[in-house]
PDB file of N, CA and C in Angstrom:
ATOM      1  N   MET A   1       2.721  -4.944  15.172  1.00  0.00           N
ATOM      2  CA  MET A   1       2.823  -5.855  14.058  1.00  0.00           C
ATOM      3  C   MET A   1       1.439  -6.069  13.459  1.00  0.00           C
ATOM      4  N   LEU A   2       1.352  -6.095  12.138  1.00  0.00           N
ATOM      5  CA  LEU A   2       0.107  -6.315  11.411  1.00  0.00           C
ATOM      6  C   LEU A   2       0.115  -7.710  10.817  1.00  0.00           C
ATOM      7  N   SER A   3      -1.048  -8.183  10.483  1.00  0.00           N
ATOM      8  CA  SER A   3      -1.158  -9.446   9.777  1.00  0.00           C
ATOM      9  C   SER A   3      -1.960  -9.197   8.500  1.00  0.00           C
ATOM     10  N   ILE A   4      -1.391  -9.578   7.367  1.00  0.00           N
ATOM     11  CA  ILE A   4      -2.047  -9.411   6.084  1.00  0.00           C
ATOM     12  C   ILE A   4      -2.098 -10.767   5.405  1.00  0.00           C
ATOM     13  N   GLN A   5      -3.299 -11.290   5.229  1.00  0.00           N
ATOM     14  CA  GLN A   5      -3.499 -12.568   4.563  1.00  0.00           C
ATOM     15  C   GLN A   5      -2.548 -13.628   5.101  1.00  0.00           C
ATOM     16  N   GLY A   6      -2.429 -13.691   6.432  1.00  0.00           N
ATOM     17  CA  GLY A   6      -1.611 -14.701   7.083  1.00  0.00           C
ATOM     18  C   GLY A   6      -0.131 -14.394   7.150  1.00  0.00           C
ATOM     19  N   HIS A   7       0.290 -13.232   6.672  1.00  0.00           N
ATOM     20  CA  HIS A   7       1.697 -12.846   6.717  1.00  0.00           C
ATOM     21  C   HIS A   7       1.889 -11.772   7.777  1.00  0.00           C
ATOM     22  N   GLU A   8       2.969 -11.883   8.538  1.00  0.00           N
ATOM     23  CA  GLU A   8       3.272 -10.876   9.551  1.00  0.00           C
ATOM     24  C   GLU A   8       3.972  -9.692   8.889  1.00  0.00           C
ATOM     25  N   VAL A   9       3.433  -8.492   9.146  1.00  0.00           N
ATOM     26  CA  VAL A   9       3.996  -7.268   8.570  1.00  0.00           C
ATOM     27  C   VAL A   9       4.380  -6.330   9.701  1.00  0.00           C
ATOM     28  N   ASN A  10       5.600  -5.862   9.662  1.00  0.00           N
ATOM     29  CA  ASN A  10       6.096  -4.927  10.665  1.00  0.00           C
ATOM     30  C   ASN A  10       6.591  -3.676   9.928  1.00  0.00           C
ATOM     31  N   ILE A  11       6.029  -2.524  10.266  1.00  0.00           N
ATOM     32  CA  ILE A  11       6.467  -1.273   9.643  1.00  0.00           C
ATOM     33  C   ILE A  11       7.642  -0.737  10.448  1.00  0.00           C
ATOM     34  N   LEU A  12       8.810  -0.739   9.846  1.00  0.00           N
ATOM     35  CA  LEU A  12      10.034  -0.294  10.516  1.00  0.00           C
ATOM     36  C   LEU A  12      10.214   1.206  10.393  1.00  0.00           C
ATOM     37  N   LYS A  13       9.915   1.735   9.212  1.00  0.00           N
ATOM     38  CA  LYS A  13      10.060   3.167   8.932  1.00  0.00           C
ATOM     39  C   LYS A  13       8.896   3.566   8.034  1.00  0.00           C
ATOM     40  N   ALA A  14       8.063   4.486   8.507  1.00  0.00           N
ATOM     41  CA  ALA A  14       6.846   4.857   7.780  1.00  0.00           C
ATOM     42  C   ALA A  14       7.124   5.656   6.518  1.00  0.00           C
ATOM     43  N   GLY A  15       8.293   6.215   6.374  1.00  0.00           N
ATOM     44  CA  GLY A  15       8.618   7.009   5.197  1.00  0.00           C
ATOM     45  C   GLY A  15       8.186   8.461   5.356  1.00  0.00           C
ATOM     46  N   LEU A  16       8.424   9.254   4.341  1.00  0.00           N
ATOM     47  CA  LEU A  16       8.095  10.678   4.332  1.00  0.00           C
ATOM     48  C   LEU A  16       7.006  10.946   3.300  1.00  0.00           C
ATOM     49  N   LEU A  17       6.008  11.750   3.670  1.00  0.00           N
ATOM     50  CA  LEU A  17       4.948  12.071   2.727  1.00  0.00           C
ATOM     51  C   LEU A  17       5.505  12.854   1.552  1.00  0.00           C
ATOM     52  N   ASP A  18       5.098  12.479   0.378  1.00  0.00           N
ATOM     53  CA  ASP A  18       5.517  13.134  -0.856  1.00  0.00           C
ATOM     54  C   ASP A  18       4.897  14.527  -0.902  1.00  0.00           C
ATOM     55  N   SER A  19       5.694  15.545  -1.184  1.00  0.00           N
ATOM     56  CA  SER A  19       5.178  16.919  -1.213  1.00  0.00           C
ATOM     57  C   SER A  19       4.218  17.140  -2.389  1.00  0.00           C
ATOM     58  N   GLU A  20       4.373  16.393  -3.475  1.00  0.00           N
ATOM     59  CA  GLU A  20       3.483  16.529  -4.628  1.00  0.00           C
ATOM     60  C   GLU A  20       2.239  15.656  -4.509  1.00  0.00           C
ATOM     61  N   ASN A  21       2.351  14.537  -3.810  1.00  0.00           N
ATOM     62  CA  ASN A  21       1.222  13.623  -3.650  1.00  0.00           C
ATOM     63  C   ASN A  21       1.201  13.122  -2.209  1.00  0.00           C
ATOM     64  N   PRO A  22       0.398  13.742  -1.339  1.00  0.00           N
ATOM     65  CA  PRO A  22       0.391  13.362   0.074  1.00  0.00           C
ATOM     66  C   PRO A  22      -0.228  11.982   0.348  1.00  0.00           C
ATOM     67  N   ASN A  23      -0.660  11.285  -0.699  1.00  0.00           N
ATOM     68  CA  ASN A  23      -1.164   9.922  -0.534  1.00  0.00           C
ATOM     69  C   ASN A  23      -0.067   8.882  -0.679  1.00  0.00           C
ATOM     70  N   ILE A  24       1.176   9.352  -0.775  1.00  0.00           N
ATOM     71  CA  ILE A  24       2.311   8.445  -0.920  1.00  0.00           C
ATOM     72  C   ILE A  24       3.367   8.784   0.116  1.00  0.00           C
ATOM     73  N   ALA A  25       3.839   7.774   0.828  1.00  0.00           N
ATOM     74  CA  ALA A  25       4.962   7.916   1.748  1.00  0.00           C
ATOM     75  C   ALA A  25       6.178   7.289   1.074  1.00  0.00           C
ATOM     76  N   ARG A  26       7.186   8.089   0.830  1.00  0.00           N
ATOM     77  CA  ARG A  26       8.388   7.643   0.124  1.00  0.00           C
ATOM     78  C   ARG A  26       9.416   7.067   1.096  1.00  0.00           C
ATOM     79  N   HIS A  27      10.193   6.137   0.606  1.00  0.00           N
ATOM     80  CA  HIS A  27      11.348   5.570   1.322  1.00  0.00           C
ATOM     81  C   HIS A  27      10.948   4.893   2.636  1.00  0.00           C
ATOM     82  N   ALA A  28       9.887   4.119   2.605  1.00  0.00           N
ATOM     83  CA  ALA A  28       9.454   3.360   3.780  1.00  0.00           C
ATOM     84  C   ALA A  28      10.223   2.041   3.855  1.00  0.00           C
ATOM     85  N   GLU A  29      10.218   1.462   5.044  1.00  0.00           N
ATOM     86  CA  GLU A  29      10.834   0.153   5.243  1.00  0.00           C
ATOM     87  C   GLU A  29       9.857  -0.716   6.017  1.00  0.00           C
ATOM     88  N   ILE A  30       9.541  -1.888   5.468  1.00  0.00           N
ATOM     89  CA  ILE A  30       8.666  -2.824   6.154  1.00  0.00           C
ATOM     90  C   ILE A  30       9.275  -4.221   6.092  1.00  0.00           C
ATOM     91  N   GLU A  31       8.875  -5.052   7.025  1.00  0.00           N
ATOM     92  CA  GLU A  31       9.241  -6.457   6.999  1.00  0.00           C
ATOM     93  C   GLU A  31       7.982  -7.259   6.766  1.00  0.00           C
ATOM     94  N   ILE A  32       8.045  -8.205   5.844  1.00  0.00           N
ATOM     95  CA  ILE A  32       6.955  -9.149   5.634  1.00  0.00           C
ATOM     96  C   ILE A  32       7.538 -10.530   5.877  1.00  0.00           C
ATOM     97  N   ASP A  33       7.022 -11.199   6.913  1.00  0.00           N
ATOM     98  CA  ASP A  33       7.542 -12.506   7.328  1.00  0.00           C
ATOM     99  C   ASP A  33       9.057 -12.467   7.525  1.00  0.00           C
ATOM    100  N   GLY A  34       9.544 -11.360   8.115  1.00  0.00           N
ATOM    101  CA  GLY A  34      10.967 -11.228   8.421  1.00  0.00           C
ATOM    102  C   GLY A  34      11.832 -10.772   7.262  1.00  0.00           C
ATOM    103  N   ARG A  35      11.257 -10.572   6.082  1.00  0.00           N
ATOM    104  CA  ARG A  35      12.024 -10.138   4.908  1.00  0.00           C
ATOM    105  C   ARG A  35      11.856  -8.639   4.709  1.00  0.00           C
ATOM    106  N   LEU A  36      12.958  -7.909   4.584  1.00  0.00           N
ATOM    107  CA  LEU A  36      12.947  -6.457   4.452  1.00  0.00           C
ATOM    108  C   LEU A  36      12.517  -6.029   3.049  1.00  0.00           C
ATOM    109  N   HIS A  37      11.611  -5.024   3.009  1.00  0.00           N
ATOM    110  CA  HIS A  37      11.175  -4.404   1.754  1.00  0.00           C
ATOM    111  C   HIS A  37      11.336  -2.894   1.918  1.00  0.00           C
ATOM    112  N   VAL A  38      11.950  -2.252   0.932  1.00  0.00           N
ATOM    113  CA  VAL A  38      12.168  -0.809   0.951  1.00  0.00           C
ATOM    114  C   VAL A  38      11.496  -0.212  -0.282  1.00  0.00           C
ATOM    115  N   GLY A  39      10.701   0.823  -0.059  1.00  0.00           N
ATOM    116  CA  GLY A  39      10.008   1.459  -1.174  1.00  0.00           C
ATOM    117  C   GLY A  39       8.971   2.438  -0.657  1.00  0.00           C
ATOM    118  N   ASP A  40       7.884   2.562  -1.381  1.00  0.00           N
ATOM    119  CA  ASP A  40       6.856   3.544  -1.050  1.00  0.00           C
ATOM    120  C   ASP A  40       5.585   2.864  -0.543  1.00  0.00           C
ATOM    121  N   ILE A  41       4.808   3.603   0.247  1.00  0.00           N
ATOM    122  CA  ILE A  41       3.501   3.159   0.711  1.00  0.00           C
ATOM    123  C   ILE A  41       2.473   4.103   0.116  1.00  0.00           C
ATOM    124  N   ILE A  42       1.418   3.544  -0.459  1.00  0.00           N
ATOM    125  CA  ILE A  42       0.361   4.371  -1.040  1.00  0.00           C
ATOM    126  C   ILE A  42      -0.905   4.213  -0.205  1.00  0.00           C
ATOM    127  N   PHE A  43      -1.589   5.342   0.000  1.00  0.00           N
ATOM    128  CA  PHE A  43      -2.827   5.384   0.786  1.00  0.00           C
ATOM    129  C   PHE A  43      -3.985   5.726  -0.141  1.00  0.00           C
ATOM    130  N   SER A  44      -5.105   5.037   0.039  1.00  0.00           N
ATOM    131  CA  SER A  44      -6.310   5.387  -0.715  1.00  0.00           C
ATOM    132  C   SER A  44      -7.528   5.111   0.154  1.00  0.00           C
ATOM    133  N   GLU A  45      -8.657   5.620  -0.265  1.00  0.00           N
ATOM    134  CA  GLU A  45      -9.893   5.434   0.495  1.00  0.00           C
ATOM    135  C   GLU A  45     -10.327   3.967   0.467  1.00  0.00           C
ATOM    136  N   THR A  46     -10.299   3.363  -0.732  1.00  0.00           N
ATOM    137  CA  THR A  46     -10.698   1.967  -0.915  1.00  0.00           C
ATOM    138  C   THR A  46      -9.823   1.337  -1.990  1.00  0.00           C
ATOM    139  N   ILE A  47      -9.906   0.020  -2.112  1.00  0.00           N
ATOM    140  CA  ILE A  47      -9.200  -0.649  -3.200  1.00  0.00           C
ATOM    141  C   ILE A  47      -9.781  -0.187  -4.530  1.00  0.00           C
ATOM    142  N   ARG A  48     -11.084  -0.050  -4.581  1.00  0.00           N
ATOM    143  CA  ARG A  48     -11.737   0.422  -5.812  1.00  0.00           C
ATOM    144  C   ARG A  48     -11.201   1.805  -6.202  1.00  0.00           C
ATOM    145  N   SER A  49     -11.040   2.712  -5.224  1.00  0.00           N
ATOM    146  CA  SER A  49     -10.553   4.058  -5.553  1.00  0.00           C
ATOM    147  C   SER A  49      -9.107   4.034  -6.042  1.00  0.00           C
ATOM    148  N   PHE A  50      -8.327   3.056  -5.607  1.00  0.00           N
ATOM    149  CA  PHE A  50      -6.962   2.870  -6.126  1.00  0.00           C
ATOM    150  C   PHE A  50      -7.015   2.676  -7.641  1.00  0.00           C
ATOM    151  N   TYR A  51      -7.931   1.814  -8.072  1.00  0.00           N
ATOM    152  CA  TYR A  51      -8.075   1.539  -9.509  1.00  0.00           C
ATOM    153  C   TYR A  51      -8.767   2.682 -10.242  1.00  0.00           C
ATOM    154  N   GLU A  52      -9.761   3.311  -9.620  1.00  0.00           N
ATOM    155  CA  GLU A  52     -10.449   4.433 -10.257  1.00  0.00           C
ATOM    156  C   GLU A  52      -9.504   5.605 -10.515  1.00  0.00           C
ATOM    157  N   ALA A  53      -8.527   5.790  -9.642  1.00  0.00           N
ATOM    158  CA  ALA A  53      -7.532   6.859  -9.830  1.00  0.00           C
ATOM    159  C   ALA A  53      -6.438   6.450 -10.820  1.00  0.00           C
ATOM    160  N   ALA A  54      -6.554   5.251 -11.382  1.00  0.00           N
ATOM    161  CA  ALA A  54      -5.606   4.714 -12.369  1.00  0.00           C
ATOM    162  C   ALA A  54      -4.189   4.573 -11.816  1.00  0.00           C
ATOM    163  N   HIS A  55      -4.062   4.354 -10.518  1.00  0.00           N
ATOM    164  CA  HIS A  55      -2.735   4.153  -9.924  1.00  0.00           C
ATOM    165  C   HIS A  55      -2.060   2.908 -10.504  1.00  0.00           C
ATOM    166  N   HIS A  56      -2.856   1.920 -10.869  1.00  0.00           N
ATOM    167  CA  HIS A  56      -2.305   0.679 -11.414  1.00  0.00           C
ATOM    168  C   HIS A  56      -1.709   0.870 -12.813  1.00  0.00           C
ATOM    169  N   LEU A  57      -1.916   2.033 -13.409  1.00  0.00           N
ATOM    170  CA  LEU A  57      -1.371   2.323 -14.737  1.00  0.00           C
ATOM    171  C   LEU A  57      -0.139   3.220 -14.686  1.00  0.00           C
ATOM    172  N   SER A  58       0.243   3.678 -13.508  1.00  0.00           N
ATOM    173  CA  SER A  58       1.346   4.624 -13.361  1.00  0.00           C
ATOM    174  C   SER A  58       2.653   3.917 -13.017  1.00  0.00           C
ATOM    175  N   SER A  59       3.618   4.028 -13.901  1.00  0.00           N
ATOM    176  CA  SER A  59       4.935   3.425 -13.637  1.00  0.00           C
ATOM    177  C   SER A  59       5.644   4.129 -12.471  1.00  0.00           C
ATOM    178  N   ARG A  60       5.228   5.360 -12.148  1.00  0.00           N
ATOM    179  CA  ARG A  60       5.829   6.089 -11.021  1.00  0.00           C
ATOM    180  C   ARG A  60       5.538   5.404  -9.686  1.00  0.00           C
ATOM    181  N   LEU A  61       4.530   4.538  -9.655  1.00  0.00           N
ATOM    182  CA  LEU A  61       4.162   3.869  -8.407  1.00  0.00           C
ATOM    183  C   LEU A  61       4.733   2.454  -8.305  1.00  0.00           C
ATOM    184  N   ASN A  62       5.562   2.042  -9.248  1.00  0.00           N
ATOM    185  CA  ASN A  62       6.101   0.684  -9.233  1.00  0.00           C
ATOM    186  C   ASN A  62       7.029   0.410  -8.054  1.00  0.00           C
ATOM    187  N   ARG A  63       7.413   1.461  -7.314  1.00  0.00           N
ATOM    188  CA  ARG A  63       8.243   1.283  -6.115  1.00  0.00           C
ATOM    189  C   ARG A  63       7.402   0.990  -4.867  1.00  0.00           C
ATOM    190  N   CYS A  64       6.080   0.959  -5.011  1.00  0.00           N
ATOM    191  CA  CYS A  64       5.210   0.743  -3.846  1.00  0.00           C
ATOM    192  C   CYS A  64       5.374  -0.674  -3.311  1.00  0.00           C
ATOM    193  N   ILE A  65       5.436  -0.760  -1.986  1.00  0.00           N
ATOM    194  CA  ILE A  65       5.592  -2.045  -1.312  1.00  0.00           C
ATOM    195  C   ILE A  65       4.393  -2.373  -0.436  1.00  0.00           C
ATOM    196  N   LEU A  66       3.496  -1.375  -0.235  1.00  0.00           N
ATOM    197  CA  LEU A  66       2.330  -1.584   0.622  1.00  0.00           C
ATOM    198  C   LEU A  66       1.236  -0.597   0.230  1.00  0.00           C
ATOM    199  N   HIS A  67      -0.002  -1.074   0.265  1.00  0.00           N
ATOM    200  CA  HIS A  67      -1.166  -0.229   0.014  1.00  0.00           C
ATOM    201  C   HIS A  67      -1.988  -0.210   1.291  1.00  0.00           C
ATOM    202  N   VAL A  68      -2.394   0.976   1.737  1.00  0.00           N
ATOM    203  CA  VAL A  68      -3.234   1.131   2.926  1.00  0.00           C
ATOM    204  C   VAL A  68      -4.538   1.779   2.486  1.00  0.00           C
ATOM    205  N   ALA A  69      -5.658   1.107   2.763  1.00  0.00           N
ATOM    206  CA  ALA A  69      -6.981   1.630   2.415  1.00  0.00           C
ATOM    207  C   ALA A  69      -7.762   1.878   3.701  1.00  0.00           C
ATOM    208  N   ALA A  70      -8.598   2.912   3.691  1.00  0.00           N
ATOM    209  CA  ALA A  70      -9.384   3.260   4.875  1.00  0.00           C
ATOM    210  C   ALA A  70     -10.432   2.196   5.165  1.00  0.00           C
ATOM    211  N   CYS A  71     -11.059   1.679   4.135  1.00  0.00           N
ATOM    212  CA  CYS A  71     -12.059   0.619   4.284  1.00  0.00           C
ATOM    213  C   CYS A  71     -12.279   0.009   2.912  1.00  0.00           C
ATOM    214  N   ASP A  72     -12.902  -1.153   2.878  1.00  0.00           N
ATOM    215  CA  ASP A  72     -13.196  -1.730   1.579  1.00  0.00           C
ATOM    216  C   ASP A  72     -14.116  -2.914   1.678  1.00  0.00           C
ATOM    217  N   GLU A  73     -14.996  -3.005   0.703  1.00  0.00           N
ATOM    218  CA  GLU A  73     -15.883  -4.153   0.616  1.00  0.00           C
ATOM    219  C   GLU A  73     -15.303  -5.224  -0.297  1.00  0.00           C
ATOM    220  N   PHE A  74     -14.215  -4.923  -0.986  1.00  0.00           N
ATOM    221  CA  PHE A  74     -13.601  -5.864  -1.919  1.00  0.00           C
ATOM    222  C   PHE A  74     -12.272  -6.375  -1.366  1.00  0.00           C
ATOM    223  N   THR A  75     -12.289  -6.995  -0.204  1.00  0.00           N
ATOM    224  CA  THR A  75     -11.042  -7.437   0.413  1.00  0.00           C
ATOM    225  C   THR A  75     -10.386  -8.573  -0.362  1.00  0.00           C
ATOM    226  N   ASN A  76     -11.096  -9.232  -1.258  1.00  0.00           N
ATOM    227  CA  ASN A  76     -10.496 -10.301  -2.063  1.00  0.00           C
ATOM    228  C   ASN A  76      -9.799  -9.777  -3.311  1.00  0.00           C
ATOM    229  N   LEU A  77     -10.013  -8.515  -3.655  1.00  0.00           N
ATOM    230  CA  LEU A  77      -9.396  -7.918  -4.834  1.00  0.00           C
ATOM    231  C   LEU A  77      -7.926  -7.621  -4.543  1.00  0.00           C
ATOM    232  N   ARG A  78      -7.059  -8.128  -5.372  1.00  0.00           N
ATOM    233  CA  ARG A  78      -5.628  -7.889  -5.192  1.00  0.00           C
ATOM    234  C   ARG A  78      -5.214  -6.593  -5.878  1.00  0.00           C
ATOM    235  N   VAL A  79      -4.320  -5.880  -5.243  1.00  0.00           N
ATOM    236  CA  VAL A  79      -3.794  -4.637  -5.814  1.00  0.00           C
ATOM    237  C   VAL A  79      -2.536  -4.988  -6.594  1.00  0.00           C
ATOM    238  N   ARG A  80      -2.547  -4.577  -7.850  1.00  0.00           N
ATOM    239  CA  ARG A  80      -1.384  -4.795  -8.714  1.00  0.00           C
ATOM    240  C   ARG A  80      -0.912  -3.455  -9.263  1.00  0.00           C
ATOM    241  N   LEU A  81       0.385  -3.371  -9.454  1.00  0.00           N
ATOM    242  CA  LEU A  81       0.999  -2.156  -9.980  1.00  0.00           C
ATOM    243  C   LEU A  81       1.091  -2.228 -11.504  1.00  0.00           C
ATOM    244  N   GLN A  82       1.572  -1.169 -12.106  1.00  0.00           N
ATOM    245  CA  GLN A  82       1.702  -1.089 -13.553  1.00  0.00           C
ATOM    246  C   GLN A  82       2.607  -2.203 -14.090  1.00  0.00           C
ATOM    247  N   ASN A  83       3.599  -2.605 -13.314  1.00  0.00           N
ATOM    248  CA  ASN A  83       4.513  -3.676 -13.724  1.00  0.00           C
ATOM    249  C   ASN A  83       3.965  -5.063 -13.393  1.00  0.00           C
ATOM    250  N   CYS A  84       2.677  -5.140 -13.037  1.00  0.00           N
ATOM    251  CA  CYS A  84       1.938  -6.378 -12.708  1.00  0.00           C
ATOM    252  C   CYS A  84       2.324  -6.985 -11.368  1.00  0.00           C
ATOM    253  N   LYS A  85       3.183  -6.330 -10.632  1.00  0.00           N
ATOM    254  CA  LYS A  85       3.591  -6.829  -9.317  1.00  0.00           C
ATOM    255  C   LYS A  85       2.449  -6.627  -8.321  1.00  0.00           C
ATOM    256  N   PRO A  86       2.051  -7.698  -7.601  1.00  0.00           N
ATOM    257  CA  PRO A  86       1.039  -7.521  -6.562  1.00  0.00           C
ATOM    258  C   PRO A  86       1.674  -6.926  -5.310  1.00  0.00           C
ATOM    259  N   ILE A  87       0.928  -6.072  -4.600  1.00  0.00           N
ATOM    260  CA  ILE A  87       1.410  -5.554  -3.319  1.00  0.00           C
ATOM    261  C   ILE A  87       0.350  -5.827  -2.261  1.00  0.00           C
ATOM    262  N   PRO A  88       0.785  -6.059  -1.028  1.00  0.00           N
ATOM    263  CA  PRO A  88      -0.189  -6.316   0.038  1.00  0.00           C
ATOM    264  C   PRO A  88      -0.977  -5.062   0.390  1.00  0.00           C
ATOM    265  N   THR A  89      -2.212  -5.270   0.852  1.00  0.00           N
ATOM    266  CA  THR A  89      -3.091  -4.176   1.248  1.00  0.00           C
ATOM    267  C   THR A  89      -3.504  -4.349   2.698  1.00  0.00           C
ATOM    268  N   VAL A  90      -3.378  -3.272   3.460  1.00  0.00           N
ATOM    269  CA  VAL A  90      -3.880  -3.215   4.830  1.00  0.00           C
ATOM    270  C   VAL A  90      -5.190  -2.427   4.789  1.00  0.00           C
ATOM    271  N   ILE A  91      -6.254  -2.991   5.351  1.00  0.00           N
ATOM    272  CA  ILE A  91      -7.533  -2.282   5.435  1.00  0.00           C
ATOM    273  C   ILE A  91      -7.631  -1.685   6.815  1.00  0.00           C
ATOM    274  N   LYS A  92      -7.695  -0.368   6.877  1.00  0.00           N
ATOM    275  CA  LYS A  92      -7.826   0.355   8.141  1.00  0.00           C
ATOM    276  C   LYS A  92      -9.314   0.669   8.327  1.00  0.00           C
ATOM    277  N   GLU A  93     -10.021  -0.232   8.990  1.00  0.00           N
ATOM    278  CA  GLU A  93     -11.485  -0.199   9.069  1.00  0.00           C
ATOM    279  C   GLU A  93     -12.060   0.955   9.864  1.00  0.00           C
ATOM    280  N   ASN A  94     -11.292   1.622  10.689  1.00  0.00           N
ATOM    281  CA  ASN A  94     -11.869   2.616  11.604  1.00  0.00           C
ATOM    282  C   ASN A  94     -11.847   4.045  11.064  1.00  0.00           C
ATOM    283  N   GLY A  95     -12.049   4.203   9.774  1.00  0.00           N
ATOM    284  CA  GLY A  95     -12.226   5.558   9.256  1.00  0.00           C
ATOM    285  C   GLY A  95     -11.126   6.019   8.347  1.00  0.00           C
ATOM    286  N   LEU A  96     -11.001   7.323   8.246  1.00  0.00           N
ATOM    287  CA  LEU A  96     -10.065   7.931   7.323  1.00  0.00           C
ATOM    288  C   LEU A  96      -8.631   7.632   7.697  1.00  0.00           C
ATOM    289  N   ILE A  97      -7.790   7.726   6.702  1.00  0.00           N
ATOM    290  CA  ILE A  97      -6.359   7.440   6.880  1.00  0.00           C
ATOM    291  C   ILE A  97      -5.700   8.638   7.533  1.00  0.00           C
TER     292      ILE A  97
END
């Protein structure tokens, strides 16, 4: 179980890596505070790189339910999708994803 900004997150199903974009796991299932979320997980090096790659402008990513970053100095920066929906971010501090 993970904790993100005081919320308990449990990854039930990690999903399948997208053959066109290996930074996205499709059809994942996670629980946040006991509530089920089904969608995609996106991986990036940092929160900044998420925005530099213009992921926040792509409507194809509006199904994302979780963002996983390898590390980041901007832990207060919220990740938002093209539809303005915020998604939680897990910082994996120990290196590459």
